[in-house]
Amino acid sequence: MISGYRFERPIFIQNTFFVEEIVDLDGALRFLDDWPEPKRDMAYDVIQRACITARRGHFPVEAAAENFRRFVKRAGLSLEVDGSSVVHCCGRDPASVDSASAGPEREILRQ
C-alpha cells in the first residue's frame, strides 16, 4: 500500500550493522522518537511538530521531508549520494567503506 505520506526521495540512515531507509513521515517520526533526550533542542521540536502536522494533513509532506533532511544535516549526520540523502550514525561514513570489507549496507548504497 502506497501512503500519501511518502517522501519523493528516501533518506538512508547507516547504523553500525545495517542501513535504515526513511521513506515516509512515520519513519521520520520513529527516528525522531529514538533521538537522544539530551540532544532534543528547538530544531528537534520544530521538525517533530512539522512531521506530526504533515501527518495530520495540515502541512505539506515534502516540506516536512526537506526539513527532516536539513535536521539530520544540521546534526552532522547527512551525506548526499546519487541524489538521495544517506545519513551515517556512529561515526561511520558509508563512503569510506572499501568494497572488500563492504557488508550488505554498502550494496544498498550502490543500487
Protein backbone atom coordinates (compact mmCIF):
# COMPACT_ATOMS: atom_id res chain seq x y z
CA MET A 1 0.00 0.00 0.00
CA ILE A 2 1.38 3.40 -1.02
CA SER A 3 0.97 6.04 1.65
CA GLY A 4 0.14 9.66 0.93
CA TYR A 5 2.82 10.41 3.48
CA ARG A 6 5.74 9.03 1.40
CA PHE A 7 8.75 11.19 0.60
CA GLU A 8 9.72 11.78 -3.03
CA ARG A 9 13.30 10.71 -2.18
CA PRO A 10 14.27 8.31 0.60
CA ILE A 11 16.73 9.13 3.36
CA PHE A 12 19.16 6.37 4.34
CA ILE A 13 20.43 6.08 7.91
CA GLN A 14 23.53 3.96 8.37
CA ASN A 15 23.93 2.40 11.77
CA THR A 16 26.84 0.20 12.76
CA PHE A 17 25.35 -3.00 11.35
CA PHE A 18 22.62 -2.00 8.90
CA VAL A 19 21.15 0.72 6.72
CA GLU A 20 17.70 2.04 7.57
CA GLU A 21 15.66 3.67 4.83
CA ILE A 22 13.33 6.51 5.83
CA VAL A 23 10.66 6.76 3.13
CA ASP A 24 7.76 8.47 4.87
CA LEU A 25 6.57 10.55 7.78
CA ASP A 26 6.05 7.52 10.02
CA GLY A 27 9.71 6.52 9.57
CA ALA A 28 10.87 10.06 10.27
CA LEU A 29 8.75 10.18 13.42
CA ARG A 30 10.16 6.83 14.62
CA PHE A 31 13.69 8.18 14.03
CA LEU A 32 12.83 11.33 15.99
CA ASP A 33 11.30 9.29 18.83
CA ASP A 34 14.65 7.50 19.17
CA TRP A 35 16.64 10.77 19.14
CA PRO A 36 18.64 11.08 22.40
CA GLU A 37 16.91 13.21 25.04
CA PRO A 38 19.98 15.42 25.70
CA LYS A 39 20.12 16.38 22.00
CA ARG A 40 16.45 17.41 21.78
CA ASP A 41 16.61 21.15 21.16
CA MET A 42 14.40 23.73 19.46
CA ALA A 43 15.27 22.36 16.00
CA TYR A 44 14.15 18.90 17.15
CA ASP A 45 10.86 20.32 18.47
CA VAL A 46 10.21 22.19 15.21
CA ILE A 47 10.85 19.18 12.93
CA GLN A 48 8.84 16.85 15.15
CA ARG A 49 5.88 19.27 15.07
CA ALA A 50 6.26 19.67 11.28
CA CYS A 51 6.13 15.89 10.77
CA ILE A 52 3.13 15.48 13.08
CA THR A 53 1.31 18.38 11.42
CA ALA A 54 2.04 16.94 7.95
CA ARG A 55 0.82 13.52 9.11
CA ARG A 56 -2.46 15.17 10.08
CA GLY A 57 -2.69 16.77 6.62
CA HIS A 58 -2.10 20.38 7.70
CA PHE A 59 1.47 20.81 6.33
CA PRO A 60 2.97 19.67 3.00
CA VAL A 61 4.66 16.26 3.26
CA GLU A 62 7.59 17.29 1.07
CA ALA A 63 8.20 20.40 3.18
CA ALA A 64 8.38 18.17 6.26
CA ALA A 65 10.70 15.78 4.37
CA GLU A 66 13.01 18.61 3.33
CA ASN A 67 13.10 19.95 6.87
CA PHE A 68 13.86 16.45 8.17
CA ARG A 69 16.79 16.27 5.71
CA ARG A 70 18.01 19.63 6.98
CA PHE A 71 17.65 18.46 10.58
CA VAL A 72 19.89 15.44 10.05
CA LYS A 73 22.33 17.54 8.02
CA ARG A 74 22.47 20.13 10.83
CA ALA A 75 23.17 17.30 13.25
CA GLY A 76 26.19 16.36 11.11
CA LEU A 77 24.70 13.03 10.02
CA SER A 78 23.77 13.63 6.38
CA LEU A 79 25.62 12.69 3.22
CA GLU A 80 24.30 13.08 -0.35
CA VAL A 81 24.90 10.06 -2.60
CA ASP A 82 23.35 9.84 -6.08
CA GLY A 83 20.71 12.41 -5.21
CA SER A 84 19.45 10.58 -2.10
CA SER A 85 20.29 11.53 1.45
CA VAL A 86 22.45 8.97 3.23
CA VAL A 87 22.70 9.54 6.96
CA HIS A 88 25.58 7.96 8.84
CA CYS A 89 25.47 7.28 12.55
CA CYS A 90 28.09 6.11 15.00
CA GLY A 91 30.90 7.96 13.22
CA ARG A 92 30.91 5.67 10.16
CA ASP A 93 30.84 7.39 6.80
CA PRO A 94 29.41 4.92 4.24
CA ALA A 95 31.58 6.42 1.51
CA SER A 96 34.69 5.45 3.47
CA VAL A 97 33.93 1.71 3.46
CA ASP A 98 36.08 -0.09 0.91
CA SER A 99 34.48 -2.66 -1.41
CA ALA A 100 36.42 -5.61 0.04
CA SER A 101 35.04 -5.06 3.54
CA ALA A 102 31.63 -3.83 2.42
CA GLY A 103 28.66 -5.52 4.00
CA PRO A 104 25.10 -5.63 2.74
CA GLU A 105 24.63 -1.94 3.60
CA ARG A 106 27.28 -0.98 1.02
CA GLU A 107 25.38 -2.91 -1.63
CA ILE A 108 22.26 -0.88 -0.89
CA LEU A 109 24.21 2.33 -1.36
CA ARG A 110 25.44 1.21 -4.82
CA GLN A 111 21.97 0.50 -6.19
